[in-house]
Amino acid sequence: MYIIKVKGKAKIPDYIQLRDDNFVLIAYFRADRPLKNIEKYGLEGKEEELQKLITELPFGKLQKLSL
């Protein structure tokens, strides 16, 4: 799974994209709000780690998600 942080403009907030190994979009959510149904992506119990990663993640850089 891969993660990328997309910079918003003006009234559009920053967003996070989660993509599978084929780079298909599987989740799209606001960076300032927690992901709902996180267990659906196998990330249950890793909410704090994911939030820390999101705050440190540079904009526009695709990274392999490993928590």
N, C-alpha and C. Protein backbone atom coordinates (compact mmCIF):
# COMPACT_ATOMS: atom_id res chain seq x y z
N MET A 1 0.85 -1.17 0.00
CA MET A 1 0.00 0.00 0.00
C MET A 1 0.90 1.23 0.00
N TYR A 2 0.45 2.26 -0.70
CA TYR A 2 1.19 3.51 -0.82
C TYR A 2 0.35 4.67 -0.30
N ILE A 3 1.04 5.74 0.12
CA ILE A 3 0.37 6.92 0.65
C ILE A 3 0.97 8.16 0.00
N ILE A 4 0.12 9.14 -0.28
CA ILE A 4 0.57 10.41 -0.83
C ILE A 4 -0.29 11.53 -0.22
N LYS A 5 0.36 12.64 0.06
CA LYS A 5 -0.32 13.81 0.62
C LYS A 5 -0.45 14.86 -0.48
N VAL A 6 -1.68 15.30 -0.72
CA VAL A 6 -1.98 16.25 -1.80
C VAL A 6 -2.30 17.61 -1.18
N LYS A 7 -1.60 18.63 -1.63
CA LYS A 7 -1.77 19.99 -1.11
C LYS A 7 -3.05 20.61 -1.68
N GLY A 8 -3.88 21.13 -0.79
CA GLY A 8 -5.08 21.82 -1.22
C GLY A 8 -4.78 23.27 -1.59
N LYS A 9 -5.73 23.89 -2.25
CA LYS A 9 -5.57 25.29 -2.66
C LYS A 9 -6.79 26.07 -2.19
N ALA A 10 -6.55 27.29 -1.74
CA ALA A 10 -7.62 28.20 -1.29
C ALA A 10 -8.54 27.51 -0.29
N LYS A 11 -9.78 27.25 -0.67
CA LYS A 11 -10.75 26.66 0.25
C LYS A 11 -10.71 25.13 0.27
N ILE A 12 -9.92 24.54 -0.62
CA ILE A 12 -9.83 23.08 -0.68
C ILE A 12 -8.75 22.63 0.30
N PRO A 13 -9.10 21.73 1.23
CA PRO A 13 -8.12 21.28 2.23
C PRO A 13 -7.12 20.27 1.66
N ASP A 14 -6.09 19.99 2.44
CA ASP A 14 -5.12 18.96 2.09
C ASP A 14 -5.78 17.60 2.19
N TYR A 15 -5.41 16.69 1.30
CA TYR A 15 -5.98 15.35 1.29
C TYR A 15 -4.90 14.28 1.30
N ILE A 16 -5.28 13.11 1.73
CA ILE A 16 -4.42 11.93 1.75
C ILE A 16 -5.03 10.90 0.82
N GLN A 17 -4.18 10.27 0.02
CA GLN A 17 -4.63 9.17 -0.83
C GLN A 17 -3.91 7.90 -0.39
N LEU A 18 -4.65 6.82 -0.28
CA LEU A 18 -4.07 5.50 -0.07
C LEU A 18 -4.26 4.73 -1.36
N ARG A 19 -3.19 4.12 -1.85
CA ARG A 19 -3.24 3.36 -3.09
C ARG A 19 -2.69 1.96 -2.86
N ASP A 20 -3.25 1.00 -3.59
CA ASP A 20 -2.79 -0.38 -3.45
C ASP A 20 -1.49 -0.58 -4.24
N ASP A 21 -1.00 -1.81 -4.30
CA ASP A 21 0.28 -2.08 -4.97
C ASP A 21 0.24 -1.85 -6.47
N ASN A 22 -0.94 -1.77 -7.05
CA ASN A 22 -1.10 -1.45 -8.47
C ASN A 22 -1.39 0.04 -8.67
N PHE A 23 -1.25 0.83 -7.61
CA PHE A 23 -1.48 2.27 -7.59
C PHE A 23 -2.93 2.65 -7.84
N VAL A 24 -3.85 1.75 -7.58
CA VAL A 24 -5.28 2.03 -7.69
C VAL A 24 -5.72 2.72 -6.40
N LEU A 25 -6.46 3.81 -6.52
CA LEU A 25 -6.93 4.57 -5.37
C LEU A 25 -7.90 3.72 -4.55
N ILE A 26 -7.59 3.54 -3.25
CA ILE A 26 -8.48 2.75 -2.38
C ILE A 26 -9.09 3.60 -1.27
N ALA A 27 -8.48 4.74 -0.96
CA ALA A 27 -9.04 5.64 0.06
C ALA A 27 -8.57 7.06 -0.22
N TYR A 28 -9.45 8.02 0.10
CA TYR A 28 -9.20 9.43 -0.14
C TYR A 28 -9.87 10.18 1.00
N PHE A 29 -9.08 10.86 1.82
CA PHE A 29 -9.67 11.53 2.98
C PHE A 29 -8.87 12.79 3.32
N ARG A 30 -9.51 13.67 4.08
CA ARG A 30 -8.86 14.91 4.50
C ARG A 30 -7.73 14.61 5.47
N ALA A 31 -6.66 15.36 5.33
CA ALA A 31 -5.48 15.15 6.18
C ALA A 31 -5.73 15.54 7.63
N ASP A 32 -6.67 16.47 7.86
CA ASP A 32 -6.92 16.94 9.21
C ASP A 32 -8.01 16.15 9.94
N ARG A 33 -8.56 15.15 9.29
CA ARG A 33 -9.60 14.32 9.92
C ARG A 33 -9.17 12.87 9.90
N PRO A 34 -9.49 12.15 10.95
CA PRO A 34 -9.09 10.74 10.99
C PRO A 34 -9.84 9.91 9.95
N LEU A 35 -9.19 8.89 9.49
CA LEU A 35 -9.79 7.98 8.52
C LEU A 35 -10.84 7.11 9.20
N LYS A 36 -12.03 7.08 8.63
CA LYS A 36 -13.09 6.23 9.16
C LYS A 36 -12.98 4.87 8.51
N ASN A 37 -13.46 3.85 9.20
CA ASN A 37 -13.40 2.47 8.70
C ASN A 37 -11.97 2.04 8.40
N ILE A 38 -11.05 2.42 9.28
CA ILE A 38 -9.64 2.13 9.07
C ILE A 38 -9.35 0.62 9.05
N GLU A 39 -10.20 -0.15 9.73
CA GLU A 39 -10.00 -1.60 9.75
C GLU A 39 -10.20 -2.22 8.37
N LYS A 40 -10.93 -1.53 7.53
CA LYS A 40 -11.17 -1.99 6.16
C LYS A 40 -9.87 -2.09 5.36
N TYR A 41 -8.87 -1.32 5.77
CA TYR A 41 -7.59 -1.28 5.06
C TYR A 41 -6.47 -1.98 5.83
N GLY A 42 -6.83 -2.69 6.90
CA GLY A 42 -5.84 -3.42 7.69
C GLY A 42 -4.98 -2.53 8.56
N LEU A 43 -5.49 -1.37 8.94
CA LEU A 43 -4.71 -0.42 9.73
C LEU A 43 -5.28 -0.20 11.13
N GLU A 44 -6.17 -1.09 11.59
CA GLU A 44 -6.75 -0.92 12.91
C GLU A 44 -5.67 -1.00 13.97
N GLY A 45 -5.79 -0.14 14.98
CA GLY A 45 -4.82 -0.08 16.07
C GLY A 45 -3.58 0.75 15.72
N LYS A 46 -3.53 1.30 14.53
CA LYS A 46 -2.36 2.08 14.10
C LYS A 46 -2.73 3.53 13.81
N GLU A 47 -3.82 3.99 14.40
CA GLU A 47 -4.32 5.33 14.14
C GLU A 47 -3.31 6.41 14.51
N GLU A 48 -2.67 6.27 15.69
CA GLU A 48 -1.71 7.28 16.14
C GLU A 48 -0.48 7.31 15.24
N GLU A 49 0.01 6.14 14.84
CA GLU A 49 1.16 6.07 13.95
C GLU A 49 0.83 6.69 12.59
N LEU A 50 -0.37 6.41 12.09
CA LEU A 50 -0.80 6.95 10.80
C LEU A 50 -0.93 8.47 10.87
N GLN A 51 -1.49 8.99 11.95
CA GLN A 51 -1.64 10.44 12.10
C GLN A 51 -0.28 11.12 12.17
N LYS A 52 0.67 10.51 12.88
CA LYS A 52 2.02 11.07 12.97
C LYS A 52 2.68 11.08 11.58
N LEU A 53 2.52 9.99 10.85
CA LEU A 53 3.08 9.89 9.50
C LEU A 53 2.49 10.97 8.59
N ILE A 54 1.18 11.17 8.69
CA ILE A 54 0.50 12.17 7.85
C ILE A 54 1.03 13.57 8.12
N THR A 55 1.28 13.92 9.38
CA THR A 55 1.78 15.26 9.69
C THR A 55 3.20 15.45 9.19
N GLU A 56 4.00 14.39 9.15
CA GLU A 56 5.40 14.50 8.73
C GLU A 56 5.58 14.28 7.23
N LEU A 57 4.57 13.78 6.55
CA LEU A 57 4.65 13.42 5.14
C LEU A 57 4.78 14.67 4.27
N PRO A 58 5.77 14.70 3.36
CA PRO A 58 5.88 15.85 2.46
C PRO A 58 4.79 15.79 1.39
N PHE A 59 4.41 16.93 0.89
CA PHE A 59 3.37 17.00 -0.15
C PHE A 59 3.89 16.45 -1.48
N GLY A 60 3.04 15.69 -2.15
CA GLY A 60 3.32 15.22 -3.49
C GLY A 60 4.33 14.10 -3.63
N LYS A 61 4.78 13.50 -2.53
CA LYS A 61 5.77 12.43 -2.60
C LYS A 61 5.10 11.10 -2.25
N LEU A 62 5.02 10.22 -3.22
CA LEU A 62 4.43 8.90 -3.04
C LEU A 62 5.40 8.05 -2.22
N GLN A 63 4.89 7.45 -1.14
CA GLN A 63 5.73 6.61 -0.28
C GLN A 63 5.04 5.29 0.01
N LYS A 64 5.84 4.26 0.18
CA LYS A 64 5.32 2.96 0.59
C LYS A 64 4.86 3.10 2.03
N LEU A 65 3.65 2.66 2.32
CA LEU A 65 3.09 2.75 3.67
C LEU A 65 3.51 1.52 4.46
N SER A 66 4.31 1.74 5.48
CA SER A 66 4.74 0.63 6.34
C SER A 66 4.67 1.09 7.78
N LEU A 67 3.66 0.60 8.49
CA LEU A 67 3.47 0.96 9.90
C LEU A 67 3.73 -0.23 10.78
